[in-house]
Amino acid sequence: MLTRIVIGTALGVATFAVVCHAPTSVLTLFIAAWAVLATLEFLGLLKRADIRLNSLLICTLSASTVVAAWLGWLPGYVIAPIAVVFLTAVLTRSPLPRVPVYGAFVVIYLGLLPAHLVMLRQTSDAAGFSRWLVLFPLVLTWTNDTAAYAVGKLIGRRKLMPQLSPKKTQEGFLAGLIASAVLSALWLGRLEPFTRRGWGWLALVGVGLGAMSQVGDLFESLFKRAVSVKDSSTALRGHGGFLDRIDSLLFAIPAFYWLLRLYL
């Protein structure tokens, strides 16, 4: 538990510093590096299912997609790495159809989705908004996860989706949504461009993002359960792997980014 607390605190402080204070170029490198590590873990899961992809190629394409966000090339750029994946498969002897399909999926899942944090930072900075707006979906996701875990551990009785995540409960899921709603109303209500929205609307945003967060967690569990593993790796000790730390964020951050874009 001590190791878990120390690692969690260190990751939280580092993330806060990079998201709120580092230049966008440093944030991009941070996300690209994390995306590469998460991609390697995900490729390891696929390998257990006898789906073998070119690690160097896929990691390079995922990282380049994150960098493309910094350069302002997304979402159009994503066509290029997908084309490379399929072209490589065509030029390979006896290619299996699942190889380019999974290759394209990984680029989108662990390249395009995390790149939305870079685009969120750029959109917020361009509009002159606070960096706390960029931090919001991360804190909401962590709050959602913590509330769901704590309540599920204490009073959870009814399983949410035992075939995917045996420990998740309906009580924990509901607690996560409530915590997300409260945090959203308190947090977004103080930040532009949402200061003129009512608490009910802001709470609904929190519920939606909280739900997306938990769906993201369950989505990764789909792959882990398919190969009978609990965590994507043990790299972060009590926190699992690099992919385990961002699975919820992969859905919540893009959802908030596009909500902000539509709102603007």
C-alpha atoms as a PDB file:
ATOM      1  CA  MET A   1       0.000   0.000   0.000  1.00  0.00           C
ATOM      2  CA  LEU A   2       2.865   2.384   0.816  1.00  0.00           C
ATOM      3  CA  THR A   3       4.405   1.733  -2.595  1.00  0.00           C
ATOM      4  CA  ARG A   4       1.032   2.305  -4.242  1.00  0.00           C
ATOM      5  CA  ILE A   5       0.603   5.642  -2.431  1.00  0.00           C
ATOM      6  CA  VAL A   6       4.136   6.828  -3.247  1.00  0.00           C
ATOM      7  CA  ILE A   7       3.868   5.924  -6.933  1.00  0.00           C
ATOM      8  CA  GLY A   8       0.370   7.382  -7.208  1.00  0.00           C
ATOM      9  CA  THR A   9       1.443  10.643  -5.584  1.00  0.00           C
ATOM     10  CA  ALA A  10       4.512  10.935  -7.798  1.00  0.00           C
ATOM     11  CA  LEU A  11       2.466  10.339 -10.938  1.00  0.00           C
ATOM     12  CA  GLY A  12      -0.138  12.863  -9.821  1.00  0.00           C
ATOM     13  CA  VAL A  13       2.420  15.582  -9.105  1.00  0.00           C
ATOM     14  CA  ALA A  14       4.271  14.949 -12.375  1.00  0.00           C
ATOM     15  CA  THR A  15       1.049  15.011 -14.374  1.00  0.00           C
ATOM     16  CA  PHE A  16      -0.106  18.245 -12.706  1.00  0.00           C
ATOM     17  CA  ALA A  17       3.239  19.914 -13.412  1.00  0.00           C
ATOM     18  CA  VAL A  18       3.308  18.871 -17.068  1.00  0.00           C
ATOM     19  CA  VAL A  19      -0.357  19.581 -17.821  1.00  0.00           C
ATOM     20  CA  CYS A  20      -0.569  22.946 -16.055  1.00  0.00           C
ATOM     21  CA  HIS A  21       2.928  24.420 -16.234  1.00  0.00           C
ATOM     22  CA  ALA A  22       5.100  22.781 -18.917  1.00  0.00           C
ATOM     23  CA  PRO A  23       5.216  24.045 -22.510  1.00  0.00           C
ATOM     24  CA  THR A  24       2.936  22.224 -24.940  1.00  0.00           C
ATOM     25  CA  SER A  25       5.995  20.631 -26.554  1.00  0.00           C
ATOM     26  CA  VAL A  26       6.938  18.996 -23.228  1.00  0.00           C
ATOM     27  CA  LEU A  27       3.347  17.859 -22.685  1.00  0.00           C
ATOM     28  CA  THR A  28       3.407  16.322 -26.170  1.00  0.00           C
ATOM     29  CA  LEU A  29       6.629  14.410 -25.440  1.00  0.00           C
ATOM     30  CA  PHE A  30       5.212  13.235 -22.107  1.00  0.00           C
ATOM     31  CA  ILE A  31       2.035  11.906 -23.739  1.00  0.00           C
ATOM     32  CA  ALA A  32       3.931  10.390 -26.685  1.00  0.00           C
ATOM     33  CA  ALA A  33       6.292   8.525 -24.341  1.00  0.00           C
ATOM     34  CA  TRP A  34       3.397   7.244 -22.230  1.00  0.00           C
ATOM     35  CA  ALA A  35       1.532   6.222 -25.405  1.00  0.00           C
ATOM     36  CA  VAL A  36       4.534   4.198 -26.560  1.00  0.00           C
ATOM     37  CA  LEU A  37       4.806   2.384 -23.221  1.00  0.00           C
ATOM     38  CA  ALA A  38       1.054   1.698 -23.193  1.00  0.00           C
ATOM     39  CA  THR A  39       1.254   0.499 -26.805  1.00  0.00           C
ATOM     40  CA  LEU A  40       3.995  -1.978 -25.942  1.00  0.00           C
ATOM     41  CA  GLU A  41       1.843  -3.348 -23.122  1.00  0.00           C
ATOM     42  CA  PHE A  42      -1.193  -3.626 -25.383  1.00  0.00           C
ATOM     43  CA  LEU A  43       0.847  -5.401 -28.054  1.00  0.00           C
ATOM     44  CA  GLY A  44       1.912  -7.806 -25.319  1.00  0.00           C
ATOM     45  CA  LEU A  45      -1.758  -8.562 -24.605  1.00  0.00           C
ATOM     46  CA  LEU A  46      -2.400  -9.171 -28.297  1.00  0.00           C
ATOM     47  CA  LYS A  47       0.642 -11.443 -28.496  1.00  0.00           C
ATOM     48  CA  ARG A  48      -0.910 -13.645 -25.822  1.00  0.00           C
ATOM     49  CA  ALA A  49      -3.822 -14.099 -28.230  1.00  0.00           C
ATOM     50  CA  ASP A  50      -1.349 -14.962 -31.019  1.00  0.00           C
ATOM     51  CA  ILE A  51      -1.851 -11.584 -32.717  1.00  0.00           C
ATOM     52  CA  ARG A  52       1.659 -10.393 -33.507  1.00  0.00           C
ATOM     53  CA  LEU A  53       2.226  -6.857 -34.745  1.00  0.00           C
ATOM     54  CA  ASN A  54       5.397  -4.974 -35.624  1.00  0.00           C
ATOM     55  CA  SER A  55       6.147  -3.232 -32.320  1.00  0.00           C
ATOM     56  CA  LEU A  56       8.585  -0.685 -33.752  1.00  0.00           C
ATOM     57  CA  LEU A  57       6.205   0.312 -36.538  1.00  0.00           C
ATOM     58  CA  ILE A  58       3.090   0.589 -34.368  1.00  0.00           C
ATOM     59  CA  CYS A  59       4.858   2.473 -31.562  1.00  0.00           C
ATOM     60  CA  THR A  60       6.334   4.909 -34.073  1.00  0.00           C
ATOM     61  CA  LEU A  61       2.946   5.525 -35.669  1.00  0.00           C
ATOM     62  CA  SER A  62       1.235   6.011 -32.294  1.00  0.00           C
ATOM     63  CA  ALA A  63       3.882   8.489 -31.146  1.00  0.00           C
ATOM     64  CA  SER A  64       3.796  10.335 -34.465  1.00  0.00           C
ATOM     65  CA  THR A  65       0.022  10.740 -34.121  1.00  0.00           C
ATOM     66  CA  VAL A  66       0.492  12.458 -30.767  1.00  0.00           C
ATOM     67  CA  VAL A  67       3.152  14.741 -32.263  1.00  0.00           C
ATOM     68  CA  ALA A  68       0.782  15.477 -35.166  1.00  0.00           C
ATOM     69  CA  ALA A  69      -1.678  16.915 -32.649  1.00  0.00           C
ATOM     70  CA  TRP A  70       0.992  19.386 -31.503  1.00  0.00           C
ATOM     71  CA  LEU A  71       1.639  20.363 -35.134  1.00  0.00           C
ATOM     72  CA  GLY A  72      -2.078  20.924 -35.731  1.00  0.00           C
ATOM     73  CA  TRP A  73      -2.402  18.085 -38.247  1.00  0.00           C
ATOM     74  CA  LEU A  74      -5.168  16.147 -36.532  1.00  0.00           C
ATOM     75  CA  PRO A  75      -7.622  14.658 -37.153  1.00  0.00           C
ATOM     76  CA  GLY A  76      -6.719  14.459 -40.867  1.00  0.00           C
ATOM     77  CA  TYR A  77      -3.204  13.099 -40.245  1.00  0.00           C
ATOM     78  CA  VAL A  78      -4.500   9.852 -38.776  1.00  0.00           C
ATOM     79  CA  ILE A  79      -5.214   8.653 -42.320  1.00  0.00           C
ATOM     80  CA  ALA A  80      -1.455   8.468 -42.946  1.00  0.00           C
ATOM     81  CA  PRO A  81      -0.476   5.954 -40.205  1.00  0.00           C
ATOM     82  CA  ILE A  82      -3.515   3.819 -40.997  1.00  0.00           C
ATOM     83  CA  ALA A  83      -2.477   3.793 -44.655  1.00  0.00           C
ATOM     84  CA  VAL A  84       1.056   2.771 -43.626  1.00  0.00           C
ATOM     85  CA  VAL A  85      -0.334  -0.126 -41.578  1.00  0.00           C
ATOM     86  CA  PHE A  86      -2.402  -1.469 -44.459  1.00  0.00           C
ATOM     87  CA  LEU A  87       0.328  -0.875 -47.055  1.00  0.00           C
ATOM     88  CA  THR A  88       2.830  -2.744 -44.882  1.00  0.00           C
ATOM     89  CA  ALA A  89       0.406  -5.660 -44.603  1.00  0.00           C
ATOM     90  CA  VAL A  90      -0.089  -5.770 -48.371  1.00  0.00           C
ATOM     91  CA  LEU A  91       3.670  -5.882 -48.948  1.00  0.00           C
ATOM     92  CA  THR A  92       4.143  -8.643 -46.381  1.00  0.00           C
ATOM     93  CA  ARG A  93       4.030 -12.247 -47.499  1.00  0.00           C
ATOM     94  CA  SER A  94       0.912 -14.155 -46.500  1.00  0.00           C
ATOM     95  CA  PRO A  95      -0.573 -11.320 -44.413  1.00  0.00           C
ATOM     96  CA  LEU A  96      -3.371 -12.170 -42.012  1.00  0.00           C
ATOM     97  CA  PRO A  97      -6.314  -9.725 -42.289  1.00  0.00           C
ATOM     98  CA  ARG A  98      -6.387  -9.262 -38.524  1.00  0.00           C
ATOM     99  CA  VAL A  99      -2.843  -7.827 -38.541  1.00  0.00           C
ATOM    100  CA  PRO A 100      -3.639  -4.543 -40.350  1.00  0.00           C
ATOM    101  CA  VAL A 101      -7.040  -4.315 -38.658  1.00  0.00           C
ATOM    102  CA  TYR A 102      -5.524  -4.517 -35.181  1.00  0.00           C
ATOM    103  CA  GLY A 103      -2.639  -2.295 -36.265  1.00  0.00           C
ATOM    104  CA  ALA A 104      -5.021   0.467 -37.325  1.00  0.00           C
ATOM    105  CA  PHE A 105      -7.019   0.000 -34.128  1.00  0.00           C
ATOM    106  CA  VAL A 106      -3.939   0.412 -31.914  1.00  0.00           C
ATOM    107  CA  VAL A 107      -2.935   3.624 -33.712  1.00  0.00           C
ATOM    108  CA  ILE A 108      -6.399   5.064 -33.064  1.00  0.00           C
ATOM    109  CA  TYR A 109      -6.726   3.701 -29.519  1.00  0.00           C
ATOM    110  CA  LEU A 110      -3.254   4.599 -28.250  1.00  0.00           C
ATOM    111  CA  GLY A 111      -2.268   7.354 -30.670  1.00  0.00           C
ATOM    112  CA  LEU A 112      -5.302   9.400 -31.643  1.00  0.00           C
ATOM    113  CA  LEU A 113      -7.208   9.165 -28.347  1.00  0.00           C
ATOM    114  CA  PRO A 114      -4.376  10.308 -26.017  1.00  0.00           C
ATOM    115  CA  ALA A 115      -3.466  13.020 -28.571  1.00  0.00           C
ATOM    116  CA  HIS A 116      -6.730  14.724 -27.615  1.00  0.00           C
ATOM    117  CA  LEU A 117      -5.071  15.985 -24.429  1.00  0.00           C
ATOM    118  CA  VAL A 118      -2.630  17.968 -26.572  1.00  0.00           C
ATOM    119  CA  MET A 119      -5.509  19.336 -28.653  1.00  0.00           C
ATOM    120  CA  LEU A 120      -7.428  20.189 -25.473  1.00  0.00           C
ATOM    121  CA  ARG A 121      -4.439  22.177 -24.166  1.00  0.00           C
ATOM    122  CA  GLN A 122      -4.043  24.005 -27.484  1.00  0.00           C
ATOM    123  CA  THR A 123      -7.748  24.839 -27.728  1.00  0.00           C
ATOM    124  CA  SER A 124      -7.840  26.079 -24.145  1.00  0.00           C
ATOM    125  CA  ASP A 125      -4.693  28.203 -24.537  1.00  0.00           C
ATOM    126  CA  ALA A 126      -5.884  29.683 -27.838  1.00  0.00           C
ATOM    127  CA  ALA A 127      -9.135  30.793 -26.204  1.00  0.00           C
ATOM    128  CA  GLY A 128      -7.311  32.198 -23.168  1.00  0.00           C
ATOM    129  CA  PHE A 129      -8.862  29.741 -20.713  1.00  0.00           C
ATOM    130  CA  SER A 130      -7.280  28.512 -17.493  1.00  0.00           C
ATOM    131  CA  ARG A 131      -5.030  25.447 -17.548  1.00  0.00           C
ATOM    132  CA  TRP A 132      -7.296  24.075 -14.810  1.00  0.00           C
ATOM    133  CA  LEU A 133      -9.785  23.437 -17.596  1.00  0.00           C
ATOM    134  CA  VAL A 134      -7.267  21.057 -19.188  1.00  0.00           C
ATOM    135  CA  LEU A 135      -6.693  19.319 -15.881  1.00  0.00           C
ATOM    136  CA  PHE A 136     -10.425  18.890 -15.259  1.00  0.00           C
ATOM    137  CA  PRO A 137     -11.110  15.610 -17.168  1.00  0.00           C
ATOM    138  CA  LEU A 138      -8.067  13.994 -15.540  1.00  0.00           C
ATOM    139  CA  VAL A 139      -9.140  14.914 -11.998  1.00  0.00           C
ATOM    140  CA  LEU A 140     -12.726  13.918 -12.740  1.00  0.00           C
ATOM    141  CA  THR A 141     -11.589  10.504 -13.971  1.00  0.00           C
ATOM    142  CA  TRP A 142      -9.417   9.919 -10.919  1.00  0.00           C
ATOM    143  CA  THR A 143     -12.217  11.069  -8.613  1.00  0.00           C
ATOM    144  CA  ASN A 144     -14.650   8.775 -10.380  1.00  0.00           C
ATOM    145  CA  ASP A 145     -12.286   5.808 -10.090  1.00  0.00           C
ATOM    146  CA  THR A 146     -11.540   6.490  -6.417  1.00  0.00           C
ATOM    147  CA  ALA A 147     -15.201   6.867  -5.434  1.00  0.00           C
ATOM    148  CA  ALA A 148     -16.203   3.762  -7.390  1.00  0.00           C
ATOM    149  CA  TYR A 149     -13.398   1.713  -5.815  1.00  0.00           C
ATOM    150  CA  ALA A 150     -14.015   2.920  -2.243  1.00  0.00           C
ATOM    151  CA  VAL A 151     -17.791   2.500  -2.260  1.00  0.00           C
ATOM    152  CA  GLY A 152     -17.583  -0.782  -4.139  1.00  0.00           C
ATOM    153  CA  LYS A 153     -15.090  -2.077  -1.586  1.00  0.00           C
ATOM    154  CA  LEU A 154     -17.141  -0.942   1.420  1.00  0.00           C
ATOM    155  CA  ILE A 155     -20.755  -1.638   0.476  1.00  0.00           C
ATOM    156  CA  GLY A 156     -20.673  -3.083  -3.035  1.00  0.00           C
ATOM    157  CA  ARG A 157     -22.874  -6.166  -3.368  1.00  0.00           C
ATOM    158  CA  ARG A 158     -24.229  -6.347  -6.918  1.00  0.00           C
ATOM    159  CA  LYS A 159     -21.710  -6.996  -9.671  1.00  0.00           C
ATOM    160  CA  LEU A 160     -21.637  -4.547 -12.563  1.00  0.00           C
ATOM    161  CA  MET A 161     -20.155  -6.687 -15.360  1.00  0.00           C
ATOM    162  CA  PRO A 162     -18.548  -9.745 -13.773  1.00  0.00           C
ATOM    163  CA  GLN A 163     -17.545 -11.206 -17.132  1.00  0.00           C
ATOM    164  CA  LEU A 164     -15.238  -8.231 -17.709  1.00  0.00           C
ATOM    165  CA  SER A 165     -14.337  -6.905 -14.263  1.00  0.00           C
ATOM    166  CA  PRO A 166     -15.276  -9.202 -11.364  1.00  0.00           C
ATOM    167  CA  LYS A 167     -14.637  -6.576  -8.667  1.00  0.00           C
ATOM    168  CA  LYS A 168     -16.674  -3.695 -10.107  1.00  0.00           C
ATOM    169  CA  THR A 169     -20.078  -3.201  -8.533  1.00  0.00           C
ATOM    170  CA  GLN A 170     -23.237  -1.320  -9.406  1.00  0.00           C
ATOM    171  CA  GLU A 171     -22.970   0.590  -6.124  1.00  0.00           C
ATOM    172  CA  GLY A 172     -19.427   1.671  -7.026  1.00  0.00           C
ATOM    173  CA  PHE A 173     -20.499   2.674 -10.533  1.00  0.00           C
ATOM    174  CA  LEU A 174     -23.271   4.882  -9.130  1.00  0.00           C
ATOM    175  CA  ALA A 175     -20.939   6.407  -6.526  1.00  0.00           C
ATOM    176  CA  GLY A 176     -18.460   7.275  -9.274  1.00  0.00           C
ATOM    177  CA  LEU A 177     -21.152   9.063 -11.262  1.00  0.00           C
ATOM    178  CA  ILE A 178     -22.334  11.021  -8.219  1.00  0.00           C
ATOM    179  CA  ALA A 179     -18.777  12.066  -7.352  1.00  0.00           C
ATOM    180  CA  SER A 180     -18.197  13.094 -10.974  1.00  0.00           C
ATOM    181  CA  ALA A 181     -21.393  15.163 -11.006  1.00  0.00           C
ATOM    182  CA  VAL A 182     -20.461  17.012  -7.822  1.00  0.00           C
ATOM    183  CA  LEU A 183     -16.892  17.658  -8.955  1.00  0.00           C
ATOM    184  CA  SER A 184     -18.043  18.885 -12.364  1.00  0.00           C
ATOM    185  CA  ALA A 185     -20.550  21.324 -10.890  1.00  0.00           C
ATOM    186  CA  LEU A 186     -17.992  22.746  -8.458  1.00  0.00           C
ATOM    187  CA  TRP A 187     -15.005  22.751 -10.843  1.00  0.00           C
ATOM    188  CA  LEU A 188     -16.457  23.830 -14.191  1.00  0.00           C
ATOM    189  CA  GLY A 189     -18.741  26.387 -12.580  1.00  0.00           C
ATOM    190  CA  ARG A 190     -15.656  28.465 -11.758  1.00  0.00           C
ATOM    191  CA  LEU A 191     -14.020  28.229 -15.186  1.00  0.00           C
ATOM    192  CA  GLU A 192     -14.690  29.852 -18.512  1.00  0.00           C
ATOM    193  CA  PRO A 193     -16.484  29.169 -20.758  1.00  0.00           C
ATOM    194  CA  PHE A 194     -18.869  27.368 -18.385  1.00  0.00           C
ATOM    195  CA  THR A 195     -19.360  29.978 -15.643  1.00  0.00           C
ATOM    196  CA  ARG A 196     -22.815  30.937 -16.918  1.00  0.00           C
ATOM    197  CA  ARG A 197     -24.151  27.389 -17.023  1.00  0.00           C
ATOM    198  CA  GLY A 198     -26.415  26.072 -14.272  1.00  0.00           C
ATOM    199  CA  TRP A 199     -25.278  23.485 -11.760  1.00  0.00           C
ATOM    200  CA  GLY A 200     -27.686  20.928 -13.190  1.00  0.00           C
ATOM    201  CA  TRP A 201     -26.140  21.204 -16.653  1.00  0.00           C
ATOM    202  CA  LEU A 202     -22.612  21.009 -15.251  1.00  0.00           C
ATOM    203  CA  ALA A 203     -23.519  17.992 -13.114  1.00  0.00           C
ATOM    204  CA  LEU A 204     -24.912  16.272 -16.201  1.00  0.00           C
ATOM    205  CA  VAL A 205     -21.586  16.862 -17.943  1.00  0.00           C
ATOM    206  CA  GLY A 206     -19.878  15.174 -14.998  1.00  0.00           C
ATOM    207  CA  VAL A 207     -22.218  12.181 -15.179  1.00  0.00           C
ATOM    208  CA  GLY A 208     -21.532  11.797 -18.887  1.00  0.00           C
ATOM    209  CA  LEU A 209     -17.767  12.020 -18.498  1.00  0.00           C
ATOM    210  CA  GLY A 210     -17.855   9.714 -15.474  1.00  0.00           C
ATOM    211  CA  ALA A 211     -19.744   7.132 -17.514  1.00  0.00           C
ATOM    212  CA  MET A 212     -17.247   7.459 -20.377  1.00  0.00           C
ATOM    213  CA  SER A 213     -14.433   7.004 -17.881  1.00  0.00           C
ATOM    214  CA  GLN A 214     -15.851   3.740 -16.577  1.00  0.00           C
ATOM    215  CA  VAL A 215     -16.597   2.508 -20.088  1.00  0.00           C
ATOM    216  CA  GLY A 216     -12.952   3.149 -20.963  1.00  0.00           C
ATOM    217  CA  ASP A 217     -11.866   1.026 -18.002  1.00  0.00           C
ATOM    218  CA  LEU A 218     -14.210  -1.795 -18.972  1.00  0.00           C
ATOM    219  CA  PHE A 219     -13.097  -1.595 -22.599  1.00  0.00           C
ATOM    220  CA  GLU A 220      -9.493  -2.370 -21.667  1.00  0.00           C
ATOM    221  CA  SER A 221     -10.738  -5.130 -19.358  1.00  0.00           C
ATOM    222  CA  LEU A 222     -12.320  -6.738 -22.417  1.00  0.00           C
ATOM    223  CA  PHE A 223      -8.847  -7.421 -23.807  1.00  0.00           C
ATOM    224  CA  LYS A 224      -7.276  -8.383 -20.485  1.00  0.00           C
ATOM    225  CA  ARG A 225      -9.990 -10.918 -19.693  1.00  0.00           C
ATOM    226  CA  ALA A 226      -9.672 -12.385 -23.191  1.00  0.00           C
ATOM    227  CA  VAL A 227      -6.111 -13.444 -22.337  1.00  0.00           C
ATOM    228  CA  SER A 228      -6.760 -14.019 -18.602  1.00  0.00           C
ATOM    229  CA  VAL A 229      -4.534 -11.316 -17.099  1.00  0.00           C
ATOM    230  CA  LYS A 230      -5.367  -8.842 -14.342  1.00  0.00           C
ATOM    231  CA  ASP A 231      -3.103  -5.943 -15.374  1.00  0.00           C
ATOM    232  CA  SER A 232      -1.465  -4.897 -18.632  1.00  0.00           C
ATOM    233  CA  SER A 233       1.888  -5.144 -16.800  1.00  0.00           C
ATOM    234  CA  THR A 234       3.436  -4.708 -13.345  1.00  0.00           C
ATOM    235  CA  ALA A 235       5.584  -1.724 -14.341  1.00  0.00           C
ATOM    236  CA  LEU A 236       3.895   0.605 -11.841  1.00  0.00           C
ATOM    237  CA  ARG A 237       3.672  -1.950  -9.052  1.00  0.00           C
ATOM    238  CA  GLY A 238       0.338  -1.570  -7.261  1.00  0.00           C
ATOM    239  CA  HIS A 239      -1.038   0.557 -10.112  1.00  0.00           C
ATOM    240  CA  GLY A 240      -0.605  -2.073 -12.804  1.00  0.00           C
ATOM    241  CA  GLY A 241       0.824  -0.929 -16.110  1.00  0.00           C
ATOM    242  CA  PHE A 242       0.990   2.276 -18.113  1.00  0.00           C
ATOM    243  CA  LEU A 243      -2.107   1.270 -20.076  1.00  0.00           C
ATOM    244  CA  ASP A 244      -4.023   0.568 -16.856  1.00  0.00           C
ATOM    245  CA  ARG A 245      -3.361   4.138 -15.685  1.00  0.00           C
ATOM    246  CA  ILE A 246      -4.865   5.760 -18.782  1.00  0.00           C
ATOM    247  CA  ASP A 247      -7.606   3.365 -19.909  1.00  0.00           C
ATOM    248  CA  SER A 248     -10.344   5.535 -18.366  1.00  0.00           C
ATOM    249  CA  LEU A 249      -8.787   8.757 -19.647  1.00  0.00           C
ATOM    250  CA  LEU A 250      -8.729   7.476 -23.228  1.00  0.00           C
ATOM    251  CA  PHE A 251     -12.488   7.919 -23.461  1.00  0.00           C
ATOM    252  CA  ALA A 252     -13.067  10.799 -21.029  1.00  0.00           C
ATOM    253  CA  ILE A 253     -10.545  13.275 -22.466  1.00  0.00           C
ATOM    254  CA  PRO A 254     -11.736  13.048 -26.099  1.00  0.00           C
ATOM    255  CA  ALA A 255     -15.342  13.328 -24.890  1.00  0.00           C
ATOM    256  CA  PHE A 256     -14.558  16.539 -22.989  1.00  0.00           C
ATOM    257  CA  TYR A 257     -12.494  17.939 -25.854  1.00  0.00           C
ATOM    258  CA  TRP A 258     -15.319  17.565 -28.364  1.00  0.00           C
ATOM    259  CA  LEU A 259     -17.833  18.886 -25.841  1.00  0.00           C
ATOM    260  CA  LEU A 260     -15.676  22.007 -25.474  1.00  0.00           C
ATOM    261  CA  ARG A 261     -15.328  22.378 -29.235  1.00  0.00           C
ATOM    262  CA  LEU A 262     -19.081  22.052 -29.732  1.00  0.00           C
ATOM    263  CA  TYR A 263     -19.720  24.484 -26.893  1.00  0.00           C
ATOM    264  CA  LEU A 264     -17.385  27.041 -28.418  1.00  0.00           C
END
